[in-house]
């Protein structure tokens, strides 16, 4: 299972991003990242689990002026 995290500096932009993705039927939740997980120290992220095209996510968020610094993708272990 793939996990994508869109790194966002503020909770306000994270809420805005979550609403944008929700409007496109992409479920996301807001999580807090540790300083080690983000290039700029502590940050929030929109976490999306499942296969999603990162280019499409980037485009949706940029179109709605949601500021983000990075998109991280990794694979979750199967239970």
PDB file of N, CA and C in Angstrom:
ATOM      1  N   UNK A   1       0.846  -1.162   0.000  1.00  0.00           N
ATOM      2  CA  UNK A   1       0.000   0.000   0.000  1.00  0.00           C
ATOM      3  C   UNK A   1       0.896   1.230   0.000  1.00  0.00           C
ATOM      4  N   UNK A   2       0.572   2.192  -0.803  1.00  0.00           N
ATOM      5  CA  UNK A   2       1.366   3.407  -0.931  1.00  0.00           C
ATOM      6  C   UNK A   2       0.822   4.509  -0.025  1.00  0.00           C
ATOM      7  N   UNK A   3       1.725   5.233   0.610  1.00  0.00           N
ATOM      8  CA  UNK A   3       1.358   6.394   1.427  1.00  0.00           C
ATOM      9  C   UNK A   3       2.030   7.618   0.829  1.00  0.00           C
ATOM     10  N   UNK A   4       1.240   8.639   0.577  1.00  0.00           N
ATOM     11  CA  UNK A   4       1.751   9.901   0.068  1.00  0.00           C
ATOM     12  C   UNK A   4       1.508  10.969   1.119  1.00  0.00           C
ATOM     13  N   UNK A   5       2.543  11.760   1.399  1.00  0.00           N
ATOM     14  CA  UNK A   5       2.403  12.860   2.349  1.00  0.00           C
ATOM     15  C   UNK A   5       2.834  14.150   1.672  1.00  0.00           C
ATOM     16  N   UNK A   6       1.909  15.119   1.632  1.00  0.00           N
ATOM     17  CA  UNK A   6       2.176  16.436   1.066  1.00  0.00           C
ATOM     18  C   UNK A   6       2.574  17.331   2.237  1.00  0.00           C
ATOM     19  N   UNK A   7       3.828  17.774   2.245  1.00  0.00           N
ATOM     20  CA  UNK A   7       4.370  18.553   3.354  1.00  0.00           C
ATOM     21  C   UNK A   7       3.929  20.005   3.233  1.00  0.00           C
ATOM     22  N   UNK A   8       3.309  20.499   4.319  1.00  0.00           N
ATOM     23  CA  UNK A   8       2.754  21.846   4.346  1.00  0.00           C
ATOM     24  C   UNK A   8       3.208  22.518   5.637  1.00  0.00           C
ATOM     25  N   UNK A   9       3.598  23.782   5.556  1.00  0.00           N
ATOM     26  CA  UNK A   9       4.158  24.485   6.706  1.00  0.00           C
ATOM     27  C   UNK A   9       3.166  24.901   7.772  1.00  0.00           C
ATOM     28  N   UNK A  10       1.915  25.104   7.421  1.00  0.00           N
ATOM     29  CA  UNK A  10       0.953  25.587   8.421  1.00  0.00           C
ATOM     30  C   UNK A  10      -0.309  24.741   8.426  1.00  0.00           C
ATOM     31  N   UNK A  11      -0.955  24.701   9.577  1.00  0.00           N
ATOM     32  CA  UNK A  11      -2.189  23.937   9.706  1.00  0.00           C
ATOM     33  C   UNK A  11      -3.306  24.577   8.874  1.00  0.00           C
ATOM     34  N   UNK A  12      -3.254  25.887   8.678  1.00  0.00           N
ATOM     35  CA  UNK A  12      -4.272  26.575   7.881  1.00  0.00           C
ATOM     36  C   UNK A  12      -4.237  26.089   6.434  1.00  0.00           C
ATOM     37  N   UNK A  13      -3.044  26.022   5.845  1.00  0.00           N
ATOM     38  CA  UNK A  13      -2.929  25.517   4.476  1.00  0.00           C
ATOM     39  C   UNK A  13      -3.224  24.024   4.415  1.00  0.00           C
ATOM     40  N   UNK A  14      -2.907  23.298   5.491  1.00  0.00           N
ATOM     41  CA  UNK A  14      -3.230  21.871   5.531  1.00  0.00           C
ATOM     42  C   UNK A  14      -4.748  21.671   5.479  1.00  0.00           C
ATOM     43  N   UNK A  15      -5.492  22.467   6.228  1.00  0.00           N
ATOM     44  CA  UNK A  15      -6.961  22.390   6.200  1.00  0.00           C
ATOM     45  C   UNK A  15      -7.491  22.731   4.805  1.00  0.00           C
ATOM     46  N   UNK A  16      -6.933  23.770   4.210  1.00  0.00           N
ATOM     47  CA  UNK A  16      -7.355  24.165   2.862  1.00  0.00           C
ATOM     48  C   UNK A  16      -7.072  23.033   1.871  1.00  0.00           C
ATOM     49  N   UNK A  17      -5.890  22.439   1.964  1.00  0.00           N
ATOM     50  CA  UNK A  17      -5.528  21.335   1.076  1.00  0.00           C
ATOM     51  C   UNK A  17      -6.419  20.127   1.266  1.00  0.00           C
ATOM     52  N   UNK A  18      -6.748  19.827   2.517  1.00  0.00           N
ATOM     53  CA  UNK A  18      -7.639  18.698   2.801  1.00  0.00           C
ATOM     54  C   UNK A  18      -9.002  18.928   2.152  1.00  0.00           C
ATOM     55  N   UNK A  19      -9.507  20.150   2.225  1.00  0.00           N
ATOM     56  CA  UNK A  19     -10.796  20.483   1.608  1.00  0.00           C
ATOM     57  C   UNK A  19     -10.740  20.381   0.088  1.00  0.00           C
ATOM     58  N   UNK A  20      -9.637  20.809  -0.512  1.00  0.00           N
ATOM     59  CA  UNK A  20      -9.472  20.707  -1.969  1.00  0.00           C
ATOM     60  C   UNK A  20      -9.492  19.244  -2.392  1.00  0.00           C
ATOM     61  N   UNK A  21      -8.728  18.416  -1.697  1.00  0.00           N
ATOM     62  CA  UNK A  21      -8.677  16.991  -2.050  1.00  0.00           C
ATOM     63  C   UNK A  21     -10.022  16.314  -1.808  1.00  0.00           C
ATOM     64  N   UNK A  22     -10.682  16.678  -0.727  1.00  0.00           N
ATOM     65  CA  UNK A  22     -11.997  16.121  -0.424  1.00  0.00           C
ATOM     66  C   UNK A  22     -13.006  16.448  -1.526  1.00  0.00           C
ATOM     67  N   UNK A  23     -12.933  17.644  -2.065  1.00  0.00           N
ATOM     68  CA  UNK A  23     -13.827  18.047  -3.158  1.00  0.00           C
ATOM     69  C   UNK A  23     -13.614  17.189  -4.401  1.00  0.00           C
ATOM     70  N   UNK A  24     -12.425  16.592  -4.525  1.00  0.00           N
ATOM     71  CA  UNK A  24     -12.112  15.703  -5.650  1.00  0.00           C
ATOM     72  C   UNK A  24     -12.168  14.235  -5.230  1.00  0.00           C
ATOM     73  N   UNK A  25     -12.839  13.977  -4.124  1.00  0.00           N
ATOM     74  CA  UNK A  25     -13.048  12.620  -3.597  1.00  0.00           C
ATOM     75  C   UNK A  25     -11.748  11.876  -3.298  1.00  0.00           C
ATOM     76  N   UNK A  26     -10.770  12.627  -2.790  1.00  0.00           N
ATOM     77  CA  UNK A  26      -9.504  12.039  -2.368  1.00  0.00           C
ATOM     78  C   UNK A  26      -9.428  12.186  -0.853  1.00  0.00           C
ATOM     79  N   UNK A  27      -9.577  11.081  -0.116  1.00  0.00           N
ATOM     80  CA  UNK A  27      -9.543  11.178   1.340  1.00  0.00           C
ATOM     81  C   UNK A  27      -8.126  11.458   1.846  1.00  0.00           C
ATOM     82  N   UNK A  28      -8.016  12.447   2.715  1.00  0.00           N
ATOM     83  CA  UNK A  28      -6.718  12.810   3.283  1.00  0.00           C
ATOM     84  C   UNK A  28      -6.917  13.156   4.747  1.00  0.00           C
ATOM     85  N   UNK A  29      -5.863  12.989   5.513  1.00  0.00           N
ATOM     86  CA  UNK A  29      -5.912  13.420   6.903  1.00  0.00           C
ATOM     87  C   UNK A  29      -4.676  14.257   7.188  1.00  0.00           C
ATOM     88  N   UNK A  30      -4.803  15.135   8.155  1.00  0.00           N
ATOM     89  CA  UNK A  30      -3.696  16.007   8.524  1.00  0.00           C
ATOM     90  C   UNK A  30      -2.892  15.325   9.620  1.00  0.00           C
ATOM     91  N   UNK A  31      -1.574  15.237   9.400  1.00  0.00           N
ATOM     92  CA  UNK A  31      -0.673  14.645  10.388  1.00  0.00           C
ATOM     93  C   UNK A  31       0.464  15.626  10.670  1.00  0.00           C
ATOM     94  N   UNK A  32       1.081  15.466  11.818  1.00  0.00           N
ATOM     95  CA  UNK A  32       2.230  16.283  12.202  1.00  0.00           C
ATOM     96  C   UNK A  32       3.489  15.496  11.872  1.00  0.00           C
ATOM     97  N   UNK A  33       4.427  16.131  11.178  1.00  0.00           N
ATOM     98  CA  UNK A  33       5.699  15.488  10.843  1.00  0.00           C
ATOM     99  C   UNK A  33       6.764  15.891  11.849  1.00  0.00           C
ATOM    100  N   UNK A  34       7.663  14.999  12.120  1.00  0.00           N
ATOM    101  CA  UNK A  34       8.784  15.320  12.996  1.00  0.00           C
ATOM    102  C   UNK A  34       9.820  16.118  12.201  1.00  0.00           C
ATOM    103  N   UNK A  35      10.716  16.822  12.882  1.00  0.00           N
ATOM    104  CA  UNK A  35      11.750  17.577  12.162  1.00  0.00           C
ATOM    105  C   UNK A  35      12.594  16.705  11.238  1.00  0.00           C
ATOM    106  N   UNK A  36      12.773  15.442  11.580  1.00  0.00           N
ATOM    107  CA  UNK A  36      13.581  14.548  10.747  1.00  0.00           C
ATOM    108  C   UNK A  36      12.893  14.185   9.433  1.00  0.00           C
ATOM    109  N   UNK A  37      11.573  14.288   9.393  1.00  0.00           N
ATOM    110  CA  UNK A  37      10.818  13.913   8.192  1.00  0.00           C
ATOM    111  C   UNK A  37      10.666  15.051   7.181  1.00  0.00           C
ATOM    112  N   UNK A  38      10.959  16.256   7.599  1.00  0.00           N
ATOM    113  CA  UNK A  38      10.761  17.416   6.742  1.00  0.00           C
ATOM    114  C   UNK A  38      12.071  18.188   6.592  1.00  0.00           C
ATOM    115  N   UNK A  39      12.309  18.716   5.407  1.00  0.00           N
ATOM    116  CA  UNK A  39      13.528  19.482   5.150  1.00  0.00           C
ATOM    117  C   UNK A  39      13.589  20.764   5.975  1.00  0.00           C
ATOM    118  N   UNK A  40      12.419  21.338   6.283  1.00  0.00           N
ATOM    119  CA  UNK A  40      12.362  22.628   6.978  1.00  0.00           C
ATOM    120  C   UNK A  40      11.978  22.503   8.445  1.00  0.00           C
ATOM    121  N   UNK A  41      12.232  21.365   9.058  1.00  0.00           N
ATOM    122  CA  UNK A  41      11.882  21.181  10.454  1.00  0.00           C
ATOM    123  C   UNK A  41      10.450  20.717  10.625  1.00  0.00           C
ATOM    124  N   UNK A  42       9.854  21.066  11.748  1.00  0.00           N
ATOM    125  CA  UNK A  42       8.479  20.640  12.044  1.00  0.00           C
ATOM    126  C   UNK A  42       7.515  21.153  10.986  1.00  0.00           C
ATOM    127  N   UNK A  43       6.585  20.318  10.606  1.00  0.00           N
ATOM    128  CA  UNK A  43       5.599  20.694   9.598  1.00  0.00           C
ATOM    129  C   UNK A  43       4.382  19.791   9.730  1.00  0.00           C
ATOM    130  N   UNK A  44       3.361  20.150   9.009  1.00  0.00           N
ATOM    131  CA  UNK A  44       2.167  19.321   8.890  1.00  0.00           C
ATOM    132  C   UNK A  44       2.206  18.648   7.526  1.00  0.00           C
ATOM    133  N   UNK A  45       1.381  17.638   7.346  1.00  0.00           N
ATOM    134  CA  UNK A  45       1.296  16.979   6.051  1.00  0.00           C
ATOM    135  C   UNK A  45      -0.116  16.478   5.825  1.00  0.00           C
ATOM    136  N   UNK A  46      -0.489  16.436   4.566  1.00  0.00           N
ATOM    137  CA  UNK A  46      -1.713  15.763   4.169  1.00  0.00           C
ATOM    138  C   UNK A  46      -1.308  14.337   3.840  1.00  0.00           C
ATOM    139  N   UNK A  47      -1.860  13.379   4.544  1.00  0.00           N
ATOM    140  CA  UNK A  47      -1.515  11.981   4.330  1.00  0.00           C
ATOM    141  C   UNK A  47      -2.619  11.309   3.537  1.00  0.00           C
ATOM    142  N   UNK A  48      -2.235  10.726   2.404  1.00  0.00           N
ATOM    143  CA  UNK A  48      -3.168  10.043   1.516  1.00  0.00           C
ATOM    144  C   UNK A  48      -2.672   8.609   1.369  1.00  0.00           C
ATOM    145  N   UNK A  49      -3.517   7.654   1.698  1.00  0.00           N
ATOM    146  CA  UNK A  49      -3.138   6.242   1.598  1.00  0.00           C
ATOM    147  C   UNK A  49      -3.817   5.649   0.375  1.00  0.00           C
ATOM    148  N   UNK A  50      -3.043   4.935  -0.421  1.00  0.00           N
ATOM    149  CA  UNK A  50      -3.549   4.337  -1.653  1.00  0.00           C
ATOM    150  C   UNK A  50      -2.795   4.900  -2.845  1.00  0.00           C
ATOM    151  N   UNK A  51      -3.037   4.325  -3.985  1.00  0.00           N
ATOM    152  CA  UNK A  51      -2.341   4.733  -5.209  1.00  0.00           C
ATOM    153  C   UNK A  51      -2.959   6.010  -5.767  1.00  0.00           C
ATOM    154  N   UNK A  52      -2.183   7.091  -5.736  1.00  0.00           N
ATOM    155  CA  UNK A  52      -2.607   8.365  -6.308  1.00  0.00           C
ATOM    156  C   UNK A  52      -1.447   8.945  -7.100  1.00  0.00           C
ATOM    157  N   UNK A  53      -1.762   9.559  -8.202  1.00  0.00           N
ATOM    158  CA  UNK A  53      -0.763  10.179  -9.059  1.00  0.00           C
ATOM    159  C   UNK A  53      -0.263  11.463  -8.398  1.00  0.00           C
ATOM    160  N   UNK A  54       1.029  11.509  -8.057  1.00  0.00           N
ATOM    161  CA  UNK A  54       1.569  12.688  -7.381  1.00  0.00           C
ATOM    162  C   UNK A  54       1.514  13.933  -8.263  1.00  0.00           C
ATOM    163  N   UNK A  55       1.651  13.762  -9.566  1.00  0.00           N
ATOM    164  CA  UNK A  55       1.551  14.915 -10.470  1.00  0.00           C
ATOM    165  C   UNK A  55       0.144  15.519 -10.429  1.00  0.00           C
ATOM    166  N   UNK A  56      -0.867  14.661 -10.334  1.00  0.00           N
ATOM    167  CA  UNK A  56      -2.241  15.128 -10.250  1.00  0.00           C
ATOM    168  C   UNK A  56      -2.484  15.836  -8.919  1.00  0.00           C
ATOM    169  N   UNK A  57      -1.970  15.282  -7.816  1.00  0.00           N
ATOM    170  CA  UNK A  57      -2.101  15.925  -6.514  1.00  0.00           C
ATOM    171  C   UNK A  57      -1.438  17.301  -6.530  1.00  0.00           C
ATOM    172  N   UNK A  58      -0.229  17.347  -7.079  1.00  0.00           N
ATOM    173  CA  UNK A  58       0.513  18.612  -7.174  1.00  0.00           C
ATOM    174  C   UNK A  58      -0.293  19.646  -7.958  1.00  0.00           C
ATOM    175  N   UNK A  59      -0.847  19.229  -9.079  1.00  0.00           N
ATOM    176  CA  UNK A  59      -1.623  20.130  -9.935  1.00  0.00           C
ATOM    177  C   UNK A  59      -2.873  20.662  -9.229  1.00  0.00           C
ATOM    178  N   UNK A  60      -3.605  19.772  -8.566  1.00  0.00           N
ATOM    179  CA  UNK A  60      -4.818  20.185  -7.848  1.00  0.00           C
ATOM    180  C   UNK A  60      -4.507  21.220  -6.775  1.00  0.00           C
ATOM    181  N   UNK A  61      -3.470  20.966  -5.992  1.00  0.00           N
ATOM    182  CA  UNK A  61      -3.125  21.865  -4.902  1.00  0.00           C
ATOM    183  C   UNK A  61      -2.583  23.198  -5.416  1.00  0.00           C
ATOM    184  N   UNK A  62      -1.759  23.160  -6.442  1.00  0.00           N
ATOM    185  CA  UNK A  62      -1.229  24.402  -7.009  1.00  0.00           C
ATOM    186  C   UNK A  62      -2.336  25.248  -7.626  1.00  0.00           C
ATOM    187  N   UNK A  63      -3.284  24.601  -8.294  1.00  0.00           N
ATOM    188  CA  UNK A  63      -4.392  25.313  -8.925  1.00  0.00           C
ATOM    189  C   UNK A  63      -5.206  26.095  -7.893  1.00  0.00           C
ATOM    190  N   UNK A  64      -5.332  25.540  -6.686  1.00  0.00           N
ATOM    191  CA  UNK A  64      -6.106  26.180  -5.615  1.00  0.00           C
ATOM    192  C   UNK A  64      -5.222  26.995  -4.658  1.00  0.00           C
ATOM    193  N   UNK A  65      -3.961  27.208  -5.049  1.00  0.00           N
ATOM    194  CA  UNK A  65      -3.015  28.048  -4.297  1.00  0.00           C
ATOM    195  C   UNK A  65      -2.748  27.538  -2.884  1.00  0.00           C
ATOM    196  N   UNK A  66      -2.635  26.212  -2.753  1.00  0.00           N
ATOM    197  CA  UNK A  66      -2.256  25.607  -1.479  1.00  0.00           C
ATOM    198  C   UNK A  66      -0.739  25.483  -1.480  1.00  0.00           C
ATOM    199  N   UNK A  67      -0.094  26.181  -0.564  1.00  0.00           N
ATOM    200  CA  UNK A  67       1.370  26.164  -0.509  1.00  0.00           C
ATOM    201  C   UNK A  67       1.869  24.897   0.172  1.00  0.00           C
ATOM    202  N   UNK A  68       2.775  24.210  -0.489  1.00  0.00           N
ATOM    203  CA  UNK A  68       3.402  23.015   0.082  1.00  0.00           C
ATOM    204  C   UNK A  68       4.857  23.003  -0.311  1.00  0.00           C
ATOM    205  N   UNK A  69       5.672  22.278   0.442  1.00  0.00           N
ATOM    206  CA  UNK A  69       7.109  22.284   0.185  1.00  0.00           C
ATOM    207  C   UNK A  69       7.627  21.004  -0.445  1.00  0.00           C
ATOM    208  N   UNK A  70       6.918  19.898  -0.260  1.00  0.00           N
ATOM    209  CA  UNK A  70       7.434  18.628  -0.754  1.00  0.00           C
ATOM    210  C   UNK A  70       6.309  17.600  -0.818  1.00  0.00           C
ATOM    211  N   UNK A  71       6.512  16.558  -1.609  1.00  0.00           N
ATOM    212  CA  UNK A  71       5.604  15.421  -1.633  1.00  0.00           C
ATOM    213  C   UNK A  71       6.446  14.172  -1.388  1.00  0.00           C
ATOM    214  N   UNK A  72       6.153  13.487  -0.293  1.00  0.00           N
ATOM    215  CA  UNK A  72       6.885  12.277   0.087  1.00  0.00           C
ATOM    216  C   UNK A  72       6.022  11.057  -0.185  1.00  0.00           C
ATOM    217  N   UNK A  73       6.625  10.029  -0.760  1.00  0.00           N
ATOM    218  CA  UNK A  73       5.899   8.789  -1.043  1.00  0.00           C
ATOM    219  C   UNK A  73       6.706   7.615  -0.504  1.00  0.00           C
ATOM    220  N   UNK A  74       6.012   6.717   0.166  1.00  0.00           N
ATOM    221  CA  UNK A  74       6.657   5.498   0.634  1.00  0.00           C
ATOM    222  C   UNK A  74       5.649   4.352   0.618  1.00  0.00           C
ATOM    223  N   UNK A  75       6.126   3.164   0.890  1.00  0.00           N
ATOM    224  CA  UNK A  75       5.282   1.974   0.881  1.00  0.00           C
ATOM    225  C   UNK A  75       5.048   1.501   2.305  1.00  0.00           C
ATOM    226  N   UNK A  76       3.792   1.304   2.646  1.00  0.00           N
ATOM    227  CA  UNK A  76       3.441   0.781   3.967  1.00  0.00           C
ATOM    228  C   UNK A  76       3.497  -0.744   3.942  1.00  0.00           C
ATOM    229  N   UNK A  77       3.941  -1.346   5.027  1.00  0.00           N
ATOM    230  CA  UNK A  77       3.966  -2.822   5.071  1.00  0.00           C
ATOM    231  C   UNK A  77       2.551  -3.397   5.104  1.00  0.00           C
ATOM    232  N   UNK A  78       2.360  -4.509   4.467  1.00  0.00           N
ATOM    233  CA  UNK A  78       1.062  -5.193   4.468  1.00  0.00           C
ATOM    234  C   UNK A  78       0.917  -5.943   5.788  1.00  0.00           C
ATOM    235  N   UNK A  79      -0.257  -5.926   6.344  1.00  0.00           N
ATOM    236  CA  UNK A  79      -0.494  -6.623   7.619  1.00  0.00           C
ATOM    237  C   UNK A  79      -0.908  -8.051   7.395  1.00  0.00           C
TER     238      UNK A  79
END
